[in-house]
C-alpha cells in the first residue's frame, strides 16, 4: 500500500554507498526445477552445502530451485538499476541524483583505500525459481531473490542475520525484488542474508492473480522462499553462515502484514522456528486485521489509495469461491465503475503499471473538483467504485466480504511466543493506525508499538523511517 509506486524507495536505495562490482549475469534455461540447477555439482559444493545446512537438513532436503540470475553489484549499480526501472517525481529524482553523486565520490575514493575491509562494499544477488502452491493448493512455480555481502576485496562475508523480507504492495512486475526495483533491496548489509519473495502473481507467476491480503497463502509462499533461498545460499556461496546466525522477519505496508503472518506461522510451528533460530518480527504499518482496515475505510467513506479495492476483491474471489461463489466480481462494483472496469482491469492484469498510474486513472475517472470534503485528483468516495450494498453491514454481500477478510485476521487464533515489534504513524490513511492498536490489544505482553519517530506521520513517511531504522540496524 503506497503512493506513486512507493517513490520513496529511491530515498532508501540511495543510502547504499560503496564500490561498484561489475555485473556477471548467469542465465538458465526453462527446464523443470531440479534440486540444484546452479551447474555441475562438485564434491566441494556438496560438502559446503551439507555443512551449512546440517541443522536445517530436514527442511531443505527436498527443496528444488532453478537459478535464473547470478550477479555481483555495488550499491551504485543497485541504485542505478532501481532508478532506471522506476517512476520518479522531480523532487525525489533530484534528491536521488544528489545522493548518487555522493555515492560515486565515495566509490572513487575507495579505489585507493587500504583500510580494514568493510561489510558493505558489494553484494551478490541470486534470483531463483522455486516450488510452492496457489490458492487451491495446486503446485506453482514462483520466484525470489537471495543476496549477501562482499568486502572490498570481493570476498563474500558470512552472514550473521538471516532476514526474510516480504515486500510492500506493488502493481507492476518491474517493482519486484528480482527486477531490482524493490525498496527491500535497500535492507541488505554485509552482515545479512536477505531473502525476498516476488509473491504469487509477480515474477515467474505474473500471469496469475496476486493474492492480496491473503495472509495464509503469502505466508506459505514466503516460507517456501525462505527454505529455497537458504538452500541456494548453502549450495552456491563461498562462505557458510556465521555460527551464531539468527532469523528475523521484517516488512512494511503489505509486507508488514505478511511479516506478522509469517511470524504467526513460525510460532505455530515451533520445531521449525527453533531449527531456524527465529528471534522476532519487525513490522511497519501493515493491514494486520483486514477487517479493521476495511472498517476504517468504511468509516472514512473515501480513499486516497483506490487500487486497494479491486486488488482485494480479485484476491478474495480467487481464494474463497465457497464464500463468494454466488456472486460475480462485477456485482460488487458500482454502475459507474463498471463502465471503466475493463481499463483498470487491464492495467492491473498486465503488470506493466505501478499503483501510481492506476490510482491516477481512477482519480481521472471520478473527478470531484470543487466538492466539499474530498480532494479532487487525490481521493475518491468508496461508492465511486463499490456497490452501495457492499458498504451496508447488513447486506449479504458485505457479510460475505468480511467473512473472507476475517480469515486473514492476524489478531486472533494464535498466541505469540516470540516478540512482535510494530512501527506505525498515527495519521496513516492507507492502512489505519487502528491495525497496530488491534495487535497491541490482542497481544499486550508480546507486542511493542514504536511511534517515537513516526508520530503523526502518514503511510509513506512511516515507511521511510522504518526503512531507515532497518537499514542502519536500529531494530
Protein backbone atom coordinates (compact mmCIF):
# COMPACT_ATOMS: atom_id res chain seq x y z
CA UNK A 1 0.00 0.00 0.00
CA UNK A 2 1.82 3.04 -1.24
CA UNK A 3 1.52 6.15 -3.38
CA UNK A 4 3.16 6.54 -6.79
CA UNK A 5 4.68 3.08 -6.61
CA UNK A 6 6.44 3.94 -3.37
CA UNK A 7 8.62 6.57 -4.95
CA UNK A 8 10.29 6.81 -1.58
CA UNK A 9 12.03 3.57 -2.45
CA UNK A 10 14.61 5.70 -4.17
CA UNK A 11 15.39 7.56 -0.98
CA UNK A 12 16.13 4.34 0.82
CA UNK A 13 18.08 2.86 -2.06
CA UNK A 14 20.28 5.92 -2.10
CA UNK A 15 21.51 5.13 1.40
CA UNK A 16 23.66 2.42 -0.17
CA UNK A 17 27.18 3.75 -0.76
CA UNK A 18 30.29 1.82 -1.78
CA UNK A 19 32.43 0.41 -4.53
CA UNK A 20 30.85 -0.99 -7.70
CA UNK A 21 31.47 -4.52 -8.84
CA UNK A 22 30.91 -5.49 -12.45
CA UNK A 23 27.85 -7.47 -13.37
CA UNK A 24 28.25 -11.10 -14.25
CA UNK A 25 24.80 -12.31 -15.17
CA UNK A 26 24.19 -16.01 -15.37
CA UNK A 27 21.01 -17.14 -17.09
CA UNK A 28 19.46 -20.58 -17.05
CA UNK A 29 17.12 -22.33 -19.42
CA UNK A 30 13.48 -23.04 -18.60
CA UNK A 31 13.82 -26.69 -17.69
CA UNK A 32 11.78 -28.05 -14.82
CA UNK A 33 13.13 -27.29 -11.37
CA UNK A 34 15.70 -29.69 -10.05
CA UNK A 35 17.32 -29.95 -6.67
CA UNK A 36 20.28 -27.90 -7.91
CA UNK A 37 20.29 -26.16 -11.28
CA UNK A 38 23.27 -23.97 -10.43
CA UNK A 39 25.60 -26.02 -12.64
CA UNK A 40 27.72 -29.12 -12.24
CA UNK A 41 27.73 -30.20 -8.61
CA UNK A 42 31.21 -30.65 -7.26
CA UNK A 43 32.28 -32.58 -4.20
CA UNK A 44 33.40 -29.30 -2.67
CA UNK A 45 29.98 -27.69 -3.22
CA UNK A 46 28.18 -30.69 -1.78
CA UNK A 47 30.42 -30.69 1.29
CA UNK A 48 29.87 -26.99 1.85
CA UNK A 49 26.12 -27.39 1.43
CA UNK A 50 25.96 -30.26 3.89
CA UNK A 51 27.94 -28.34 6.50
CA UNK A 52 25.86 -25.21 6.04
CA UNK A 53 22.51 -27.00 6.17
CA UNK A 54 23.26 -29.54 8.88
CA UNK A 55 20.61 -28.40 11.36
CA UNK A 56 18.16 -27.48 8.59
CA UNK A 57 18.55 -30.67 6.59
CA UNK A 58 15.05 -31.89 7.42
CA UNK A 59 13.55 -28.69 6.00
CA UNK A 60 15.60 -28.24 2.82
CA UNK A 61 16.26 -31.84 1.80
CA UNK A 62 13.55 -31.91 -0.87
CA UNK A 63 13.68 -28.27 -1.89
CA UNK A 64 14.05 -27.69 -5.62
CA UNK A 65 15.13 -24.47 -7.26
CA UNK A 66 16.40 -23.06 -10.54
CA UNK A 67 18.83 -20.16 -10.67
CA UNK A 68 17.79 -17.52 -13.20
CA UNK A 69 20.37 -14.82 -12.47
CA UNK A 70 23.61 -14.63 -10.50
CA UNK A 71 25.35 -11.26 -10.30
CA UNK A 72 27.70 -9.17 -8.23
CA UNK A 73 26.95 -5.48 -7.81
CA UNK A 74 27.88 -2.43 -5.81
CA UNK A 75 25.37 -0.03 -4.23
CA UNK A 76 25.72 2.49 -7.07
CA UNK A 77 24.66 -0.22 -9.52
CA UNK A 78 21.73 -1.14 -7.30
CA UNK A 79 20.60 2.48 -7.18
CA UNK A 80 21.05 2.93 -10.93
CA UNK A 81 19.00 -0.17 -11.69
CA UNK A 82 16.28 0.97 -9.37
CA UNK A 83 16.03 4.47 -10.82
CA UNK A 84 16.07 3.17 -14.39
CA UNK A 85 13.25 0.75 -13.63
CA UNK A 86 11.00 3.02 -11.57
CA UNK A 87 8.88 6.11 -11.95
CA UNK A 88 10.16 9.19 -10.14
CA UNK A 89 8.73 12.60 -9.37
CA UNK A 90 11.10 15.58 -9.85
CA UNK A 91 11.77 16.17 -6.15
CA UNK A 92 12.68 12.57 -5.42
CA UNK A 93 14.72 12.27 -8.61
CA UNK A 94 16.72 15.40 -7.73
CA UNK A 95 17.44 14.05 -4.27
CA UNK A 96 18.46 10.67 -5.67
CA UNK A 97 20.80 12.34 -8.17
CA UNK A 98 22.45 14.22 -5.32
CA UNK A 99 22.96 11.07 -3.29
CA UNK A 100 24.12 9.14 -6.33
CA UNK A 101 26.81 11.77 -6.85
CA UNK A 102 27.89 11.40 -3.23
CA UNK A 103 28.00 7.62 -3.59
CA UNK A 104 30.13 7.86 -6.73
CA UNK A 105 32.56 10.19 -4.97
CA UNK A 106 32.95 7.69 -2.15
CA UNK A 107 33.36 4.95 -4.73
CA UNK A 108 36.23 6.79 -6.47
CA UNK A 109 37.91 7.43 -3.14
CA UNK A 110 37.58 3.79 -2.20
CA UNK A 111 39.81 2.65 -5.05
CA UNK A 112 42.92 3.66 -3.10
CA UNK A 113 41.79 2.58 0.33
CA UNK A 114 43.82 0.00 2.23
CA UNK A 115 41.79 0.07 5.43
CA UNK A 116 40.20 -2.96 7.03
CA UNK A 117 37.55 -4.41 4.68
CA UNK A 118 34.03 -3.24 5.45
CA UNK A 119 30.88 -5.32 5.04
CA UNK A 120 29.06 -3.09 2.55
CA UNK A 121 31.42 -2.75 -0.40
CA UNK A 122 29.48 -5.07 -2.66
CA UNK A 123 26.75 -7.65 -2.87
CA UNK A 124 25.96 -10.92 -4.53
CA UNK A 125 22.41 -11.36 -5.79
CA UNK A 126 20.94 -14.66 -6.92
CA UNK A 127 17.45 -14.81 -8.39
CA UNK A 128 15.78 -18.19 -8.47
CA UNK A 129 12.54 -20.03 -9.16
CA UNK A 130 11.10 -22.40 -6.58
CA UNK A 131 8.08 -24.55 -5.93
CA UNK A 132 5.07 -23.59 -3.80
CA UNK A 133 1.26 -23.73 -4.02
CA UNK A 134 -1.55 -21.47 -5.24
CA UNK A 135 -4.95 -20.55 -3.74
CA UNK A 136 -6.36 -24.00 -4.41
CA UNK A 137 -3.32 -25.88 -3.12
CA UNK A 138 -2.04 -26.73 -6.59
CA UNK A 139 1.71 -26.64 -7.41
CA UNK A 140 3.03 -23.38 -8.81
CA UNK A 141 6.48 -22.06 -9.70
CA UNK A 142 7.37 -18.76 -8.02
CA UNK A 143 10.45 -16.54 -7.97
CA UNK A 144 12.55 -14.84 -5.30
CA UNK A 145 15.93 -13.24 -4.63
CA UNK A 146 18.61 -14.12 -2.08
CA UNK A 147 21.56 -11.80 -1.52
CA UNK A 148 24.50 -11.30 0.81
CA UNK A 149 27.50 -9.01 1.25
CA UNK A 150 31.05 -8.85 -0.08
CA UNK A 151 34.06 -7.00 1.28
CA UNK A 152 36.34 -4.53 -0.53
CA UNK A 153 38.40 -7.38 -1.99
CA UNK A 154 35.31 -9.00 -3.49
CA UNK A 155 35.23 -11.77 -0.89
CA UNK A 156 31.87 -12.97 0.35
CA UNK A 157 31.02 -12.33 4.00
CA UNK A 158 29.47 -14.93 6.30
CA UNK A 159 26.01 -13.54 7.18
CA UNK A 160 25.07 -13.30 10.83
CA UNK A 161 21.45 -12.30 10.32
CA UNK A 162 19.04 -14.11 8.03
CA UNK A 163 16.23 -11.71 7.14
CA UNK A 164 13.07 -12.88 5.41
CA UNK A 165 11.58 -9.71 3.96
CA UNK A 166 8.19 -9.79 2.19
CA UNK A 167 7.83 -6.68 0.06
CA UNK A 168 5.28 -3.87 0.20
CA UNK A 169 2.36 -3.50 -2.19
CA UNK A 170 3.27 -3.35 -5.85
CA UNK A 171 1.26 -3.44 -9.07
CA UNK A 172 3.94 -3.62 -11.79
CA UNK A 173 6.17 -6.61 -12.31
CA UNK A 174 9.22 -4.38 -12.65
CA UNK A 175 8.79 -3.47 -8.97
CA UNK A 176 9.61 -6.99 -7.78
CA UNK A 177 12.82 -7.86 -5.91
CA UNK A 178 14.09 -9.90 -8.85
CA UNK A 179 13.66 -6.93 -11.18
CA UNK A 180 15.82 -4.68 -8.95
CA UNK A 181 13.13 -2.04 -8.28
CA UNK A 182 12.03 -3.22 -4.84
CA UNK A 183 12.79 -0.94 -1.92
CA UNK A 184 13.53 -4.03 0.18
CA UNK A 185 16.83 -4.39 -1.71
CA UNK A 186 17.97 -1.42 0.38
CA UNK A 187 17.90 -3.53 3.53
CA UNK A 188 20.96 -5.51 2.51
CA UNK A 189 24.02 -5.10 4.67
CA UNK A 190 27.16 -7.18 4.72
CA UNK A 191 26.08 -8.99 7.88
CA UNK A 192 22.74 -10.07 6.43
CA UNK A 193 21.41 -12.83 4.24
CA UNK A 194 18.34 -11.22 2.70
CA UNK A 195 15.60 -13.39 1.18
CA UNK A 196 12.84 -11.59 -0.73
CA UNK A 197 9.96 -13.41 -2.47
CA UNK A 198 8.31 -11.83 -5.52
CA UNK A 199 4.90 -13.23 -4.41
CA UNK A 200 2.40 -15.23 -6.40
CA UNK A 201 1.15 -13.02 -9.24
CA UNK A 202 4.54 -11.48 -9.99
CA UNK A 203 7.86 -12.62 -11.37
CA UNK A 204 7.69 -16.22 -12.57
CA UNK A 205 3.89 -16.25 -11.99
CA UNK A 206 2.96 -12.77 -13.23
CA UNK A 207 0.12 -14.20 -15.32
CA UNK A 208 -1.71 -15.10 -12.09
CA UNK A 209 -3.93 -13.04 -9.78
CA UNK A 210 -1.92 -11.75 -6.85
CA UNK A 211 -3.41 -12.97 -3.51
CA UNK A 212 -3.54 -9.51 -1.95
CA UNK A 213 -4.05 -9.65 1.87
CA UNK A 214 -4.46 -13.42 1.62
CA UNK A 215 -2.05 -13.79 4.51
CA UNK A 216 -2.08 -17.57 4.77
CA UNK A 217 -1.12 -18.08 1.14
CA UNK A 218 1.51 -15.33 1.10
CA UNK A 219 2.98 -16.92 4.23
CA UNK A 220 3.21 -20.36 2.65
CA UNK A 221 4.82 -18.86 -0.45
CA UNK A 222 7.28 -16.91 1.73
CA UNK A 223 8.25 -19.88 3.92
CA UNK A 224 8.92 -21.88 0.76
CA UNK A 225 11.07 -18.98 -0.48
CA UNK A 226 12.95 -18.97 2.83
CA UNK A 227 13.83 -22.64 2.51
CA UNK A 228 14.77 -22.40 -1.15
CA UNK A 229 16.71 -19.17 -0.65
CA UNK A 230 18.74 -20.65 2.13
CA UNK A 231 19.47 -23.74 0.07
CA UNK A 232 20.62 -21.57 -2.84
CA UNK A 233 23.00 -19.78 -0.46
CA UNK A 234 24.23 -23.04 1.03
CA UNK A 235 24.86 -24.56 -2.39
CA UNK A 236 26.37 -21.54 -4.12
CA UNK A 237 28.04 -19.30 -1.57
CA UNK A 238 31.77 -19.38 -0.91
CA UNK A 239 31.21 -18.96 2.84
CA UNK A 240 28.93 -20.51 5.47
CA UNK A 241 26.57 -18.65 7.75
CA UNK A 242 28.09 -17.14 10.88
CA UNK A 243 28.00 -19.82 13.62
CA UNK A 244 25.71 -17.62 15.71
CA UNK A 245 23.27 -16.68 12.92
CA UNK A 246 19.64 -15.82 13.70
CA UNK A 247 16.41 -15.39 11.69
CA UNK A 248 14.32 -12.22 11.63
CA UNK A 249 11.19 -11.34 9.67
CA UNK A 250 10.57 -7.76 8.62
CA UNK A 251 8.35 -5.84 6.22
CA UNK A 252 6.33 -2.67 5.75
CA UNK A 253 2.82 -1.99 4.47
CA UNK A 254 1.52 -5.18 2.85
CA UNK A 255 4.93 -6.65 3.65
CA UNK A 256 4.39 -5.71 7.30
CA UNK A 257 1.21 -7.76 7.46
CA UNK A 258 2.87 -10.64 5.64
CA UNK A 259 5.79 -10.45 8.08
CA UNK A 260 3.40 -10.81 11.01
CA UNK A 261 1.63 -13.64 9.20
CA UNK A 262 4.98 -15.41 8.80
CA UNK A 263 5.63 -14.79 12.49
CA UNK A 264 2.29 -16.43 13.27
CA UNK A 265 3.23 -19.46 11.17
CA UNK A 266 6.60 -19.78 12.88
CA UNK A 267 5.06 -19.52 16.35
CA UNK A 268 2.56 -22.23 15.47
CA UNK A 269 5.36 -24.44 14.08
CA UNK A 270 7.81 -24.13 16.95
CA UNK A 271 10.08 -27.00 15.96
CA UNK A 272 10.68 -25.27 12.65
CA UNK A 273 11.13 -21.89 14.36
CA UNK A 274 13.68 -23.39 16.75
CA UNK A 275 15.70 -25.01 13.96
CA UNK A 276 15.70 -21.71 12.07
CA UNK A 277 16.65 -19.76 15.21
CA UNK A 278 13.78 -17.30 14.88
CA UNK A 279 14.15 -14.21 17.10
CA UNK A 280 11.33 -11.73 16.37
CA UNK A 281 9.44 -9.76 13.72
CA UNK A 282 9.64 -6.04 12.97
CA UNK A 283 6.52 -4.91 11.13
CA UNK A 284 5.53 -1.46 9.90
CA UNK A 285 2.07 -0.08 9.11
CA UNK A 286 0.56 -3.33 7.87
CA UNK A 287 -3.07 -4.40 7.42
CA UNK A 288 -2.77 -6.95 10.22
CA UNK A 289 -6.54 -7.08 10.50
CA UNK A 290 -8.17 -6.68 7.08
CA UNK A 291 -11.47 -6.42 8.94
CA UNK A 292 -10.24 -3.37 10.86
CA UNK A 293 -8.68 -1.99 7.69
CA UNK A 294 -11.95 -2.07 5.78
CA UNK A 295 -13.95 -0.87 8.75
CA UNK A 296 -11.68 2.18 8.76
CA UNK A 297 -12.24 2.67 5.03
CA UNK A 298 -16.00 2.46 5.50
CA UNK A 299 -15.79 4.94 8.38
CA UNK A 300 -13.77 7.40 6.27
CA UNK A 301 -16.11 6.88 3.28
CA UNK A 302 -13.29 7.92 0.97
CA UNK A 303 -9.92 6.60 -0.17
CA UNK A 304 -6.65 8.07 -1.37
CA UNK A 305 -5.32 4.65 -2.46
CA UNK A 306 -8.27 3.32 -4.51
CA UNK A 307 -6.43 0.45 -6.20
CA UNK A 308 -6.81 -1.42 -2.90
CA UNK A 309 -10.47 -2.13 -3.69
CA UNK A 310 -10.11 -4.06 -6.98
CA UNK A 311 -6.91 -5.73 -5.72
CA UNK A 312 -8.74 -7.01 -2.65
CA UNK A 313 -11.85 -8.17 -4.48
CA UNK A 314 -9.86 -10.02 -7.14
CA UNK A 315 -7.81 -11.79 -4.46
CA UNK A 316 -10.83 -12.73 -2.36
CA UNK A 317 -12.75 -14.12 -5.34
CA UNK A 318 -9.72 -16.22 -6.32
CA UNK A 319 -9.22 -17.54 -2.79
CA UNK A 320 -12.74 -18.10 -1.45
CA UNK A 321 -15.13 -19.36 -4.14
CA UNK A 322 -17.02 -21.26 -1.43
CA UNK A 323 -17.95 -17.91 0.18
CA UNK A 324 -18.28 -15.60 -2.81
CA UNK A 325 -19.30 -18.13 -5.44
CA UNK A 326 -22.93 -16.98 -5.61
CA UNK A 327 -21.78 -13.62 -7.00
CA UNK A 328 -19.56 -12.36 -9.78
CA UNK A 329 -16.83 -9.85 -9.04
CA UNK A 330 -18.75 -7.31 -11.12
CA UNK A 331 -21.67 -7.47 -8.66
CA UNK A 332 -19.52 -5.74 -6.04
CA UNK A 333 -18.85 -2.65 -8.16
CA UNK A 334 -20.89 0.47 -8.81
CA UNK A 335 -22.54 1.01 -12.18
CA UNK A 336 -20.27 3.99 -12.78
CA UNK A 337 -17.13 1.95 -12.16
CA UNK A 338 -18.30 -0.91 -14.36
CA UNK A 339 -18.19 1.43 -17.36
CA UNK A 340 -14.43 1.78 -16.84
CA UNK A 341 -13.60 -1.53 -15.18
CA UNK A 342 -12.04 -3.01 -18.30
CA UNK A 343 -9.43 -0.23 -18.40
CA UNK A 344 -8.44 -0.65 -14.74
CA UNK A 345 -8.52 -4.43 -15.06
CA UNK A 346 -6.13 -4.27 -17.99
CA UNK A 347 -3.74 -2.01 -16.12
CA UNK A 348 -3.76 -4.38 -13.14
CA UNK A 349 -3.58 -7.67 -15.04
CA UNK A 350 -0.88 -6.51 -17.46
CA UNK A 351 1.51 -5.99 -14.51
CA UNK A 352 3.03 -3.16 -16.56
CA UNK A 353 1.64 -0.30 -14.47
CA UNK A 354 2.68 0.70 -10.98
CA UNK A 355 -0.01 1.64 -8.49
CA UNK A 356 0.61 5.37 -9.01
CA UNK A 357 -0.61 5.47 -12.63
CA UNK A 358 -3.51 3.14 -11.81
CA UNK A 359 -4.63 5.36 -8.94
CA UNK A 360 -4.33 8.40 -11.21
CA UNK A 361 -6.52 6.69 -13.79
CA UNK A 362 -9.16 6.06 -11.14
CA UNK A 363 -8.95 9.66 -9.92
CA UNK A 364 -9.43 10.78 -13.54
CA UNK A 365 -12.50 8.59 -13.90
CA UNK A 366 -14.03 10.07 -10.75
CA UNK A 367 -13.25 13.81 -10.56
CA UNK A 368 -14.51 15.74 -7.54
CA UNK A 369 -13.44 19.28 -8.39
CA UNK A 370 -15.00 21.84 -6.09
CA UNK A 371 -16.72 19.19 -3.99
CA UNK A 372 -16.60 19.66 -0.24
CA UNK A 373 -14.91 17.09 1.99
CA UNK A 374 -12.80 15.43 -0.68
CA UNK A 375 -9.57 16.27 -2.54
CA UNK A 376 -10.01 16.26 -6.30
CA UNK A 377 -7.40 14.12 -8.02
CA UNK A 378 -6.26 12.65 -4.72
CA UNK A 379 -9.31 10.91 -3.26
CA UNK A 380 -12.48 9.11 -4.30
CA UNK A 381 -15.65 8.16 -2.44
CA UNK A 382 -15.96 4.44 -1.71
CA UNK A 383 -19.26 4.40 -3.59
CA UNK A 384 -17.46 5.60 -6.74
CA UNK A 385 -16.11 2.08 -7.03
CA UNK A 386 -18.20 -0.10 -4.73
CA UNK A 387 -21.81 -1.15 -4.99
CA UNK A 388 -23.56 0.57 -2.02
CA UNK A 389 -24.68 -2.89 -0.90
CA UNK A 390 -21.08 -3.79 -0.12
CA UNK A 391 -20.87 -0.91 2.36
CA UNK A 392 -24.15 -1.85 4.04
CA UNK A 393 -23.07 -4.04 7.01
CA UNK A 394 -26.42 -5.85 6.98
CA UNK A 395 -26.22 -6.93 3.35
CA UNK A 396 -25.26 -10.44 2.29
CA UNK A 397 -22.51 -9.03 0.10
CA UNK A 398 -20.89 -7.13 2.95
CA UNK A 399 -21.13 -10.08 5.35
CA UNK A 400 -19.55 -12.39 2.77
CA UNK A 401 -16.69 -9.98 2.09
CA UNK A 402 -15.98 -9.56 5.79
CA UNK A 403 -16.07 -13.32 6.27
CA UNK A 404 -13.25 -13.54 3.73
CA UNK A 405 -11.34 -10.71 5.37
CA UNK A 406 -11.79 -12.29 8.79
CA UNK A 407 -9.99 -15.42 7.61
CA UNK A 408 -6.89 -13.26 7.30
CA UNK A 409 -7.10 -11.51 10.66
CA UNK A 410 -3.74 -11.84 12.42
CA UNK A 411 -5.00 -10.60 15.79
CA UNK A 412 -6.68 -13.85 16.76
CA UNK A 413 -6.35 -17.61 16.54
CA UNK A 414 -2.80 -17.85 17.88
CA UNK A 415 -0.57 -16.97 20.80
CA UNK A 416 2.80 -15.35 20.06
CA UNK A 417 5.89 -17.00 21.52
CA UNK A 418 8.45 -14.58 20.09
CA UNK A 419 8.31 -10.78 20.39
CA UNK A 420 6.41 -8.65 17.87
CA UNK A 421 7.78 -5.16 17.23
CA UNK A 422 5.47 -2.73 15.45
CA UNK A 423 6.12 0.65 13.86
CA UNK A 424 3.29 2.96 12.74
CA UNK A 425 2.33 6.62 12.26
CA UNK A 426 -0.95 7.81 13.68
CA UNK A 427 -2.02 9.72 10.55
CA UNK A 428 -1.80 6.75 8.20
CA UNK A 429 -4.84 6.81 5.88
CA UNK A 430 -3.69 3.94 3.65
CA UNK A 431 -3.51 1.41 6.47
CA UNK A 432 -5.16 2.78 9.59
CA UNK A 433 -3.24 3.06 12.86
CA UNK A 434 -6.10 1.00 14.33
CA UNK A 435 -4.39 -2.06 12.83
CA UNK A 436 -1.42 -1.72 15.17
CA UNK A 437 -3.73 -0.91 18.07
CA UNK A 438 -5.60 -4.15 17.37
CA UNK A 439 -2.36 -6.15 17.55
CA UNK A 440 -1.40 -4.43 20.80
CA UNK A 441 -4.83 -5.15 22.31
CA UNK A 442 -4.63 -8.80 21.27
CA UNK A 443 -1.06 -9.44 22.44
CA UNK A 444 -0.20 -6.83 25.11
CA UNK A 445 2.53 -8.97 26.67
CA UNK A 446 4.31 -9.88 23.42
CA UNK A 447 3.93 -6.81 21.20
CA UNK A 448 5.55 -3.37 21.33
CA UNK A 449 4.49 -0.34 19.30
CA UNK A 450 7.04 2.34 18.43
CA UNK A 451 5.68 5.75 17.41
CA UNK A 452 8.64 7.75 18.71
CA UNK A 453 9.84 8.65 15.22
CA UNK A 454 6.71 8.09 13.15
CA UNK A 455 4.47 10.16 15.45
CA UNK A 456 1.69 11.64 13.35
CA UNK A 457 3.26 10.65 10.03
CA UNK A 458 1.22 9.21 7.22
CA UNK A 459 1.88 5.93 5.45
CA UNK A 460 4.73 6.97 3.17
CA UNK A 461 6.82 8.78 5.75
CA UNK A 462 6.29 5.96 8.24
CA UNK A 463 7.67 3.51 5.69
CA UNK A 464 10.67 5.76 5.01
CA UNK A 465 11.57 5.98 8.69
CA UNK A 466 11.01 2.26 9.22
CA UNK A 467 13.30 1.50 6.29
CA UNK A 468 15.92 3.83 7.74
CA UNK A 469 15.74 2.01 11.07
CA UNK A 470 16.18 -1.37 9.43
CA UNK A 471 18.90 -0.12 7.15
CA UNK A 472 21.09 1.16 10.00
CA UNK A 473 20.33 -1.76 12.29
CA UNK A 474 18.18 0.21 14.75
CA UNK A 475 15.58 -2.51 15.12
